[in-house]
């Protein structure tokens, strides 16, 4: 259910963004970033960055940054087996509940995710109109660690036609296999470049560092001209300055330096599309925890989206999450506020809009909350559509026809426009007398909806020939990797 937005919420003035930009330039030129990857260091050296190989520190001059930003694509279309999304300014897309380690099942128990749980989640997301792009979930506890991401990717492919993504934790071997699988699906590497169905995902290590285990993805995808999402995840007061402006300046340096790394490994005529991403958290000194759903986190999301737009790139934010460990009122208001503010800011990819419950970090996903989040997204989507003002909408003739003390229940104008009001699916609007006969909570109705979807919804199957070819490739990898353990 991608939404178009024409007027965005702004929390920073143009002057404030420019001041953050100036400090970012000073960070990149005077402090630099650590790049823990030999090939990346060489690539950066070749295009004019100041590289200290002994400390693995790179300083990036303003002219080089401008060159990279000028030449990297600012929009693209991302594909699934049957659906695609526009990743560009003015379009809001919603992503699933992230890549949690645990699930809150329908009995309320919290446990490790299994591969079957992931299949269930992806089938649920495939059925929900509110989810446009499935980035998680991952890390099933019943699969060997070396095979987790490939097995998860295969499950996603089989259970949704929507765009999907591997996680940010791909090994070098995983990257090669994922690209092979995507090439099988699209009909070759050249077709994959035209219609990308895979995306690299780097989370810079705050403060001001890029780790080898993620940079290999950036380099591999940059060489192929495939999209790359850079999502910095600093913690205010821990791995970033406690002040929000300082947080934004450091985060900006981390993201923009990743863009330069991607640019350094790419070729003219085949530059990778990039996304400016944030997963901002506040460090709670009382408990030593990362807090995502808080007023400061919402402000940082909105500000980061503005800064992405300042440079002309699509944005990825984090919303829909909660610090609650239950599907309760706290979960509802935190998810609702963060989804609304992030969408109003014009975020192009909103992560965690499908059942994310953070716990101590990115931790839990709830099937019931995924349904409630879907309802919240429908409200947000209507809000983004705003109010049309034209002859039909102003309804003068209907007002004239009805006159004083009349009603509009049988008006042709009412009947004609009734479909514009989309009723909620699980939110209660019954009269109190009817509700007293049922007394079903929102959570109970969400649980019933989950069971109904899982009973009735069957994803469009993969082509059998393609499925068998991918299965064979994964089985070969399984044998090879398990032999090495």
Protein backbone atom coordinates (compact mmCIF):
# COMPACT_ATOMS: atom_id res chain seq x y z
CA UNK A 1 0.00 0.00 0.00
CA UNK A 2 2.60 2.63 -1.00
CA UNK A 3 1.41 6.17 -0.33
CA UNK A 4 2.27 9.40 -2.12
CA UNK A 5 2.90 12.50 -0.06
CA UNK A 6 3.29 16.01 -1.42
CA UNK A 7 3.90 18.05 1.74
CA UNK A 8 6.22 16.67 4.40
CA UNK A 9 6.62 17.29 8.11
CA UNK A 10 9.84 19.21 8.79
CA UNK A 11 11.62 19.46 12.14
CA UNK A 12 14.76 21.22 10.87
CA UNK A 13 15.10 24.54 9.07
CA UNK A 14 17.21 24.79 5.90
CA UNK A 15 19.82 26.67 7.92
CA UNK A 16 19.96 23.94 10.56
CA UNK A 17 20.46 21.26 7.91
CA UNK A 18 23.25 23.30 6.36
CA UNK A 19 24.99 23.67 9.74
CA UNK A 20 24.81 19.88 10.21
CA UNK A 21 26.23 19.51 6.69
CA UNK A 22 29.17 21.83 7.47
CA UNK A 23 30.08 19.91 10.64
CA UNK A 24 29.78 16.65 8.69
CA UNK A 25 32.34 17.96 6.18
CA UNK A 26 34.69 18.79 9.07
CA UNK A 27 34.27 15.28 10.52
CA UNK A 28 35.05 13.66 7.17
CA UNK A 29 37.99 15.94 6.38
CA UNK A 30 39.59 16.34 9.83
CA UNK A 31 38.65 13.21 11.80
CA UNK A 32 37.83 10.71 9.08
CA UNK A 33 36.28 7.25 9.33
CA UNK A 34 37.82 3.85 9.93
CA UNK A 35 37.45 1.46 7.00
CA UNK A 36 38.30 -2.09 8.04
CA UNK A 37 38.66 -3.49 4.54
CA UNK A 38 41.85 -3.54 2.45
CA UNK A 39 40.17 -3.45 -0.94
CA UNK A 40 37.90 -0.58 0.13
CA UNK A 41 40.95 1.38 1.31
CA UNK A 42 42.65 0.90 -2.06
CA UNK A 43 39.52 1.93 -3.97
CA UNK A 44 39.18 5.07 -1.87
CA UNK A 45 42.85 5.89 -2.34
CA UNK A 46 42.46 5.57 -6.12
CA UNK A 47 39.67 8.17 -6.28
CA UNK A 48 41.43 10.78 -4.15
CA UNK A 49 40.61 10.09 -0.49
CA UNK A 50 43.38 10.52 2.08
CA UNK A 51 44.11 6.99 3.26
CA UNK A 52 46.25 5.99 6.24
CA UNK A 53 46.77 2.27 5.73
CA UNK A 54 48.39 1.70 9.13
CA UNK A 55 45.36 3.00 11.07
CA UNK A 56 42.85 2.16 8.30
CA UNK A 57 41.54 5.71 8.62
CA UNK A 58 40.16 7.58 5.61
CA UNK A 59 39.63 11.32 5.30
CA UNK A 60 37.27 12.43 2.55
CA UNK A 61 37.63 15.90 0.99
CA UNK A 62 34.53 17.90 0.14
CA UNK A 63 35.15 17.78 -3.61
CA UNK A 64 35.28 13.98 -3.60
CA UNK A 65 32.09 13.77 -1.55
CA UNK A 66 30.31 16.08 -3.97
CA UNK A 67 31.51 14.01 -6.93
CA UNK A 68 30.16 10.80 -5.39
CA UNK A 69 26.81 12.32 -4.44
CA UNK A 70 26.40 13.86 -7.88
CA UNK A 71 26.94 10.54 -9.65
CA UNK A 72 24.99 8.08 -7.51
CA UNK A 73 21.36 7.44 -8.61
CA UNK A 74 18.69 9.12 -6.50
CA UNK A 75 15.74 6.85 -7.32
CA UNK A 76 15.02 3.31 -8.53
CA UNK A 77 12.37 0.61 -8.69
CA UNK A 78 12.79 -2.44 -6.48
CA UNK A 79 11.17 -5.69 -7.55
CA UNK A 80 9.66 -8.82 -6.08
CA UNK A 81 8.40 -11.93 -7.88
CA UNK A 82 5.10 -10.24 -8.66
CA UNK A 83 5.09 -6.73 -7.21
CA UNK A 84 7.44 -3.76 -7.22
CA UNK A 85 7.86 -0.51 -5.30
CA UNK A 86 9.17 2.92 -6.25
CA UNK A 87 12.04 3.99 -4.00
CA UNK A 88 11.97 7.73 -4.54
CA UNK A 89 11.08 11.03 -2.92
CA UNK A 90 7.35 11.45 -2.33
CA UNK A 91 6.54 7.73 -1.99
CA UNK A 92 6.08 6.11 1.44
CA UNK A 93 6.54 2.32 1.61
CA UNK A 94 6.15 0.12 4.68
CA UNK A 95 8.48 -2.72 5.64
CA UNK A 96 7.85 -5.67 7.93
CA UNK A 97 8.83 -6.21 11.58
CA UNK A 98 12.57 -6.34 10.98
CA UNK A 99 14.98 -9.16 11.80
CA UNK A 100 14.15 -10.14 15.39
CA UNK A 101 15.71 -13.02 17.27
CA UNK A 102 12.49 -14.04 19.03
CA UNK A 103 8.78 -14.33 18.39
CA UNK A 104 5.79 -13.73 20.66
CA UNK A 105 3.47 -16.51 19.52
CA UNK A 106 -0.31 -16.58 19.74
CA UNK A 107 -0.12 -18.10 23.23
CA UNK A 108 1.84 -15.08 24.42
CA UNK A 109 5.05 -17.10 24.83
CA UNK A 110 8.36 -15.52 23.78
CA UNK A 111 10.85 -17.94 22.23
CA UNK A 112 13.50 -18.24 19.54
CA UNK A 113 12.37 -17.96 15.91
CA UNK A 114 12.23 -21.18 13.92
CA UNK A 115 12.22 -21.59 10.16
CA UNK A 116 8.51 -22.47 10.37
CA UNK A 117 7.86 -19.21 12.27
CA UNK A 118 9.57 -17.30 9.47
CA UNK A 119 7.39 -19.03 6.88
CA UNK A 120 4.29 -18.06 8.91
CA UNK A 121 5.42 -14.44 9.25
CA UNK A 122 6.20 -14.08 5.55
CA UNK A 123 2.85 -15.61 4.58
CA UNK A 124 1.14 -13.17 6.92
CA UNK A 125 3.06 -10.21 5.44
CA UNK A 126 2.24 -11.43 1.94
CA UNK A 127 -1.47 -11.16 2.80
CA UNK A 128 -1.33 -7.75 4.50
CA UNK A 129 -1.95 -4.76 2.24
CA UNK A 130 0.00 -2.61 4.70
CA UNK A 131 3.34 -4.33 4.02
CA UNK A 132 5.08 -3.36 0.77
CA UNK A 133 8.56 -4.82 1.27
CA UNK A 134 9.75 -7.75 3.42
CA UNK A 135 13.26 -7.18 4.76
CA UNK A 136 13.21 -9.59 7.71
CA UNK A 137 12.78 -11.89 9.52
CA UNK A 138 15.94 -13.97 9.95
CA UNK A 139 18.16 -16.14 12.18
CA UNK A 140 16.07 -19.28 12.83
CA UNK A 141 17.38 -21.19 15.84
CA UNK A 142 16.73 -24.60 14.25
CA UNK A 143 19.05 -24.02 11.28
CA UNK A 144 22.88 -24.18 11.40
CA UNK A 145 24.34 -20.66 11.64
CA UNK A 146 26.20 -21.00 8.33
CA UNK A 147 22.92 -21.72 6.49
CA UNK A 148 20.49 -19.42 8.31
CA UNK A 149 20.42 -16.59 5.82
CA UNK A 150 20.22 -18.75 2.69
CA UNK A 151 17.44 -20.89 4.15
CA UNK A 152 15.57 -17.77 5.26
CA UNK A 153 15.94 -16.16 1.83
CA UNK A 154 14.53 -19.29 0.18
CA UNK A 155 11.54 -19.32 2.55
CA UNK A 156 10.83 -15.68 1.70
CA UNK A 157 10.98 -16.39 -2.02
CA UNK A 158 8.50 -19.24 -1.71
CA UNK A 159 6.01 -17.40 0.46
CA UNK A 160 5.60 -13.94 -1.06
CA UNK A 161 5.45 -12.14 -4.39
CA UNK A 162 6.44 -8.87 -2.70
CA UNK A 163 9.94 -7.37 -2.80
CA UNK A 164 12.22 -9.00 -0.24
CA UNK A 165 15.75 -8.49 1.04
CA UNK A 166 18.45 -10.57 2.66
CA UNK A 167 19.62 -9.22 6.03
CA UNK A 168 22.69 -7.08 6.71
CA UNK A 169 24.69 -10.05 8.04
CA UNK A 170 25.57 -11.76 4.75
CA UNK A 171 28.97 -13.46 4.56
CA UNK A 172 31.03 -13.24 1.38
CA UNK A 173 29.81 -16.73 0.45
CA UNK A 174 26.21 -15.71 1.13
CA UNK A 175 26.53 -12.65 -1.14
CA UNK A 176 27.73 -14.78 -4.06
CA UNK A 177 24.94 -17.35 -3.63
CA UNK A 178 22.23 -14.70 -3.14
CA UNK A 179 23.28 -12.97 -6.38
CA UNK A 180 23.23 -16.35 -8.18
CA UNK A 181 19.71 -17.06 -6.89
CA UNK A 182 18.51 -13.60 -7.92
CA UNK A 183 20.03 -14.12 -11.36
CA UNK A 184 18.14 -17.42 -11.70
CA UNK A 185 14.90 -15.63 -10.85
CA UNK A 186 15.42 -12.74 -13.25
CA UNK A 187 17.05 -14.59 -16.16
CA UNK A 188 20.67 -13.52 -15.75
CA UNK A 189 22.87 -10.82 -14.24
CA UNK A 190 22.03 -8.23 -16.91
CA UNK A 191 18.31 -8.64 -16.28
CA UNK A 192 18.99 -8.46 -12.54
CA UNK A 193 20.62 -5.06 -13.03
CA UNK A 194 17.54 -3.86 -14.93
CA UNK A 195 15.11 -5.26 -12.37
CA UNK A 196 16.91 -5.58 -9.04
CA UNK A 197 15.36 -8.03 -6.59
CA UNK A 198 18.27 -8.03 -4.10
CA UNK A 199 19.76 -5.22 -2.08
CA UNK A 200 22.92 -4.87 0.02
CA UNK A 201 22.49 -3.66 3.57
CA UNK A 202 25.23 -2.04 5.64
CA UNK A 203 24.96 -0.80 9.20
CA UNK A 204 28.04 1.36 9.87
CA UNK A 205 29.58 0.68 13.27
CA UNK A 206 29.14 3.85 15.30
CA UNK A 207 31.09 5.89 15.95
CA UNK A 208 32.63 6.48 12.51
CA UNK A 209 33.60 2.95 11.50
CA UNK A 210 32.86 0.44 8.74
CA UNK A 211 33.46 -3.25 9.45
CA UNK A 212 34.83 -5.79 7.01
CA UNK A 213 31.96 -8.25 7.41
CA UNK A 214 29.53 -5.74 5.95
CA UNK A 215 31.72 -3.80 3.54
CA UNK A 216 32.16 -6.83 1.28
CA UNK A 217 28.44 -6.53 0.50
CA UNK A 218 28.79 -2.85 -0.36
CA UNK A 219 31.73 -3.53 -2.68
CA UNK A 220 30.16 -6.55 -4.37
CA UNK A 221 26.84 -4.81 -5.06
CA UNK A 222 28.55 -1.57 -6.10
CA UNK A 223 30.57 -3.42 -8.73
CA UNK A 224 27.38 -4.94 -10.12
CA UNK A 225 25.43 -1.67 -9.99
CA UNK A 226 22.85 -3.18 -7.60
CA UNK A 227 21.09 -1.13 -4.87
CA UNK A 228 22.68 -0.54 -1.48
CA UNK A 229 20.95 0.55 1.73
CA UNK A 230 23.14 2.24 4.32
CA UNK A 231 21.40 2.37 7.70
CA UNK A 232 23.39 3.91 10.50
CA UNK A 233 22.26 2.89 14.00
CA UNK A 234 23.94 5.12 16.60
CA UNK A 235 22.81 5.37 20.21
CA UNK A 236 22.55 8.87 21.63
CA UNK A 237 24.74 9.09 24.72
CA UNK A 238 26.58 5.84 24.00
CA UNK A 239 27.90 5.47 20.45
CA UNK A 240 26.90 8.99 19.36
CA UNK A 241 26.78 12.39 21.06
CA UNK A 242 23.95 12.76 23.55
CA UNK A 243 22.84 15.98 21.80
CA UNK A 244 20.57 15.38 18.82
CA UNK A 245 22.39 17.77 16.47
CA UNK A 246 25.72 16.09 17.23
CA UNK A 247 24.07 12.70 16.72
CA UNK A 248 22.83 13.80 13.28
CA UNK A 249 26.23 15.17 12.24
CA UNK A 250 28.05 11.94 13.18
CA UNK A 251 25.39 9.76 11.59
CA UNK A 252 25.57 11.86 8.44
CA UNK A 253 29.34 11.34 8.22
CA UNK A 254 28.88 7.57 8.60
CA UNK A 255 26.23 7.33 5.89
CA UNK A 256 27.90 9.67 3.40
CA UNK A 257 31.26 7.94 3.81
CA UNK A 258 29.51 4.65 2.94
CA UNK A 259 28.14 6.32 -0.19
CA UNK A 260 31.69 7.31 -1.16
CA UNK A 261 32.88 3.73 -0.56
CA UNK A 262 30.12 2.44 -2.85
CA UNK A 263 31.01 5.04 -5.46
CA UNK A 264 34.70 4.09 -5.31
CA UNK A 265 33.94 0.47 -6.23
CA UNK A 266 31.50 1.22 -9.05
CA UNK A 267 31.93 2.02 -12.71
CA UNK A 268 30.68 4.89 -14.80
CA UNK A 269 27.37 3.99 -16.39
CA UNK A 270 26.68 1.38 -13.71
CA UNK A 271 26.50 3.26 -10.43
CA UNK A 272 24.51 1.60 -7.61
CA UNK A 273 21.33 3.27 -6.32
CA UNK A 274 21.80 4.11 -2.62
CA UNK A 275 19.42 4.72 0.28
CA UNK A 276 20.06 7.01 3.25
CA UNK A 277 18.96 5.01 6.28
CA UNK A 278 18.67 5.52 10.02
CA UNK A 279 17.78 3.36 13.00
CA UNK A 280 18.20 5.96 15.75
CA UNK A 281 18.19 4.95 19.40
CA UNK A 282 18.58 6.65 22.75
CA UNK A 283 20.75 4.92 25.34
CA UNK A 284 18.81 4.56 28.59
CA UNK A 285 21.43 4.96 31.32
CA UNK A 286 19.17 3.30 33.91
CA UNK A 287 18.98 -0.08 32.19
CA UNK A 288 21.78 -0.01 29.62
CA UNK A 289 19.23 -0.48 26.83
CA UNK A 290 18.68 1.00 23.38
CA UNK A 291 15.36 2.86 23.18
CA UNK A 292 13.91 3.32 19.70
CA UNK A 293 10.34 4.39 20.40
CA UNK A 294 10.66 7.71 22.19
CA UNK A 295 10.15 11.40 21.26
CA UNK A 296 13.86 11.83 20.54
CA UNK A 297 13.88 8.80 18.26
CA UNK A 298 10.90 10.17 16.34
CA UNK A 299 12.61 13.55 15.97
CA UNK A 300 15.83 11.90 14.77
CA UNK A 301 13.89 9.87 12.19
CA UNK A 302 12.14 12.97 10.85
CA UNK A 303 15.38 14.97 10.80
CA UNK A 304 17.29 12.18 9.06
CA UNK A 305 14.61 11.97 6.36
CA UNK A 306 14.96 15.72 5.79
CA UNK A 307 18.73 15.41 5.51
CA UNK A 308 18.39 12.56 3.01
CA UNK A 309 16.12 14.80 0.94
CA UNK A 310 18.68 17.64 1.21
CA UNK A 311 21.21 15.41 -0.56
CA UNK A 312 18.61 14.08 -3.00
CA UNK A 313 18.47 10.44 -1.87
CA UNK A 314 15.63 8.16 -0.75
CA UNK A 315 15.35 7.48 2.98
CA UNK A 316 14.84 4.55 5.30
CA UNK A 317 13.56 5.09 8.84
CA UNK A 318 12.46 3.05 11.84
CA UNK A 319 8.88 3.22 13.14
CA UNK A 320 6.11 0.99 14.46
CA UNK A 321 8.33 -0.35 17.22
CA UNK A 322 7.65 -0.30 20.94
CA UNK A 323 9.60 -0.70 24.15
CA UNK A 324 6.66 -2.63 25.60
CA UNK A 325 7.09 -6.36 26.08
CA UNK A 326 3.38 -6.99 25.56
CA UNK A 327 0.69 -6.15 23.01
CA UNK A 328 -0.79 -3.43 25.18
CA UNK A 329 -1.68 0.27 25.23
CA UNK A 330 2.01 1.29 25.37
CA UNK A 331 2.72 -0.80 22.26
CA UNK A 332 -0.21 0.84 20.49
CA UNK A 333 0.56 4.48 21.21
CA UNK A 334 4.31 4.13 20.61
CA UNK A 335 3.78 2.33 17.31
CA UNK A 336 1.06 4.76 16.24
CA UNK A 337 2.99 7.92 17.05
CA UNK A 338 6.21 6.74 15.41
CA UNK A 339 4.47 5.48 12.27
CA UNK A 340 2.53 8.71 11.84
CA UNK A 341 5.47 11.07 12.39
CA UNK A 342 7.85 9.07 10.19
CA UNK A 343 5.32 8.77 7.38
CA UNK A 344 4.43 12.47 7.60
CA UNK A 345 8.15 13.24 7.28
CA UNK A 346 8.00 11.44 3.91
CA UNK A 347 10.14 8.40 4.73
CA UNK A 348 10.47 6.24 1.62
CA UNK A 349 11.05 2.93 3.45
CA UNK A 350 9.63 2.60 6.96
CA UNK A 351 11.19 -0.38 8.72
CA UNK A 352 9.48 -2.32 11.56
CA UNK A 353 5.88 -1.51 10.54
CA UNK A 354 4.80 -5.14 10.94
CA UNK A 355 4.76 -6.33 14.53
CA UNK A 356 8.14 -5.17 15.82
CA UNK A 357 8.52 -5.22 19.61
CA UNK A 358 12.00 -4.18 20.55
CA UNK A 359 12.65 -5.43 24.06
CA UNK A 360 16.35 -4.88 24.80
CA UNK A 361 17.31 -4.03 21.23
CA UNK A 362 15.86 -5.46 18.01
CA UNK A 363 14.46 -8.48 19.74
CA UNK A 364 10.83 -9.62 19.36
CA UNK A 365 8.13 -9.78 16.70
CA UNK A 366 4.45 -10.37 17.45
CA UNK A 367 1.90 -11.85 15.04
CA UNK A 368 -0.96 -10.06 16.78
CA UNK A 369 0.85 -6.73 16.76
CA UNK A 370 1.51 -7.15 13.03
CA UNK A 371 -2.26 -7.05 12.51
CA UNK A 372 -2.68 -4.05 14.80
CA UNK A 373 0.19 -2.26 13.03
CA UNK A 374 -1.57 -2.95 9.75
CA UNK A 375 -4.63 -1.12 11.09
CA UNK A 376 -2.45 1.78 12.23
CA UNK A 377 -0.88 1.98 8.76
CA UNK A 378 -4.35 2.21 7.19
CA UNK A 379 -5.05 5.24 9.41
CA UNK A 380 -1.68 6.79 8.53
CA UNK A 381 -2.23 6.12 4.84
CA UNK A 382 -5.55 7.98 4.95
CA UNK A 383 -3.90 10.88 6.75
CA UNK A 384 -1.21 11.11 4.04
CA UNK A 385 -3.91 11.41 1.36
CA UNK A 386 -4.95 14.69 3.05
CA UNK A 387 -8.05 16.63 1.83
CA UNK A 388 -8.99 17.25 -1.79
CA UNK A 389 -10.67 20.58 -2.50
CA UNK A 390 -12.49 20.62 -5.84
CA UNK A 391 -16.03 21.03 -7.10
CA UNK A 392 -17.08 17.47 -6.32
CA UNK A 393 -15.50 17.52 -2.86
CA UNK A 394 -16.93 20.93 -1.93
CA UNK A 395 -20.40 19.41 -2.52
CA UNK A 396 -22.31 22.66 -3.07
CA UNK A 397 -25.07 20.98 -5.08
CA UNK A 398 -25.54 18.30 -2.41
CA UNK A 399 -25.74 20.98 0.29
CA UNK A 400 -28.26 22.93 -1.82
CA UNK A 401 -30.36 19.83 -2.47
CA UNK A 402 -30.42 18.82 1.19
CA UNK A 403 -31.03 22.29 2.62
CA UNK A 404 -31.42 23.30 6.27
CA UNK A 405 -32.36 20.52 8.74
CA UNK A 406 -32.14 17.83 6.06
CA UNK A 407 -29.81 14.81 6.06
CA UNK A 408 -27.42 13.22 3.60
CA UNK A 409 -28.14 9.54 4.26
CA UNK A 410 -29.91 9.04 0.91
CA UNK A 411 -28.09 11.73 -1.02
CA UNK A 412 -26.69 10.65 -4.40
CA UNK A 413 -23.53 12.51 -3.45
CA UNK A 414 -23.18 10.38 -0.29
CA UNK A 415 -23.69 7.12 -2.17
CA UNK A 416 -21.29 8.19 -4.91
CA UNK A 417 -18.51 8.98 -2.44
CA UNK A 418 -19.18 6.36 0.23
CA UNK A 419 -16.32 4.14 -0.97
CA UNK A 420 -13.82 6.87 -0.02
CA UNK A 421 -14.40 5.95 3.62
CA UNK A 422 -12.52 2.74 4.26
CA UNK A 423 -13.82 1.04 7.43
CA UNK A 424 -11.22 -0.45 9.81
CA UNK A 425 -10.84 -4.22 9.96
CA UNK A 426 -10.42 -4.83 13.68
CA UNK A 427 -10.89 -1.44 15.39
CA UNK A 428 -14.20 -1.43 17.28
CA UNK A 429 -16.87 1.13 16.29
CA UNK A 430 -19.99 -0.74 17.44
CA UNK A 431 -22.53 0.79 19.81
CA UNK A 432 -21.69 0.00 23.44
CA UNK A 433 -24.78 -2.24 23.76
CA UNK A 434 -23.53 -4.53 20.98
CA UNK A 435 -19.96 -4.54 22.25
CA UNK A 436 -21.13 -5.62 25.73
CA UNK A 437 -22.51 -8.82 24.19
CA UNK A 438 -19.08 -9.70 22.76
CA UNK A 439 -16.46 -7.94 24.89
CA UNK A 440 -13.65 -8.87 22.51
CA UNK A 441 -10.40 -6.99 22.98
CA UNK A 442 -8.38 -5.64 20.08
CA UNK A 443 -5.75 -8.28 20.73
CA UNK A 444 -8.33 -11.09 20.58
CA UNK A 445 -9.59 -9.80 17.23
CA UNK A 446 -6.02 -9.51 15.96
CA UNK A 447 -5.39 -13.15 16.97
CA UNK A 448 -8.52 -14.27 15.12
CA UNK A 449 -7.36 -12.36 12.03
CA UNK A 450 -3.95 -14.04 12.14
CA UNK A 451 -5.56 -17.48 12.30
CA UNK A 452 -7.97 -16.64 9.47
CA UNK A 453 -5.17 -15.39 7.18
CA UNK A 454 -2.94 -18.40 7.88
CA UNK A 455 -5.85 -20.76 7.23
CA UNK A 456 -7.02 -19.13 4.00
CA UNK A 457 -4.09 -17.33 2.37
CA UNK A 458 -1.81 -19.27 0.08
CA UNK A 459 1.04 -17.32 -1.57
CA UNK A 460 1.54 -17.59 -5.30
CA UNK A 461 3.95 -20.53 -5.75
CA UNK A 462 7.39 -20.28 -7.26
CA UNK A 463 7.82 -21.74 -10.72
CA UNK A 464 8.73 -25.41 -10.07
CA UNK A 465 11.73 -25.38 -12.37
CA UNK A 466 13.11 -22.25 -10.74
CA UNK A 467 12.40 -23.59 -7.25
CA UNK A 468 14.24 -26.84 -7.99
CA UNK A 469 17.24 -24.99 -9.41
CA UNK A 470 17.47 -22.77 -6.31
CA UNK A 471 16.98 -25.73 -3.99
CA UNK A 472 19.82 -27.58 -5.72
CA UNK A 473 22.12 -24.58 -5.31
CA UNK A 474 21.30 -24.26 -1.61
CA UNK A 475 21.81 -27.99 -1.02
CA UNK A 476 25.26 -27.77 -2.62
CA UNK A 477 26.10 -24.91 -0.29
CA UNK A 478 24.79 -26.87 2.69
CA UNK A 479 27.02 -29.87 1.96
CA UNK A 480 30.06 -27.67 1.38
CA UNK A 481 29.59 -25.54 4.49
CA UNK A 482 28.70 -28.30 6.93
CA UNK A 483 31.75 -30.28 5.83
CA UNK A 484 33.95 -27.33 6.82
CA UNK A 485 32.53 -27.14 10.33
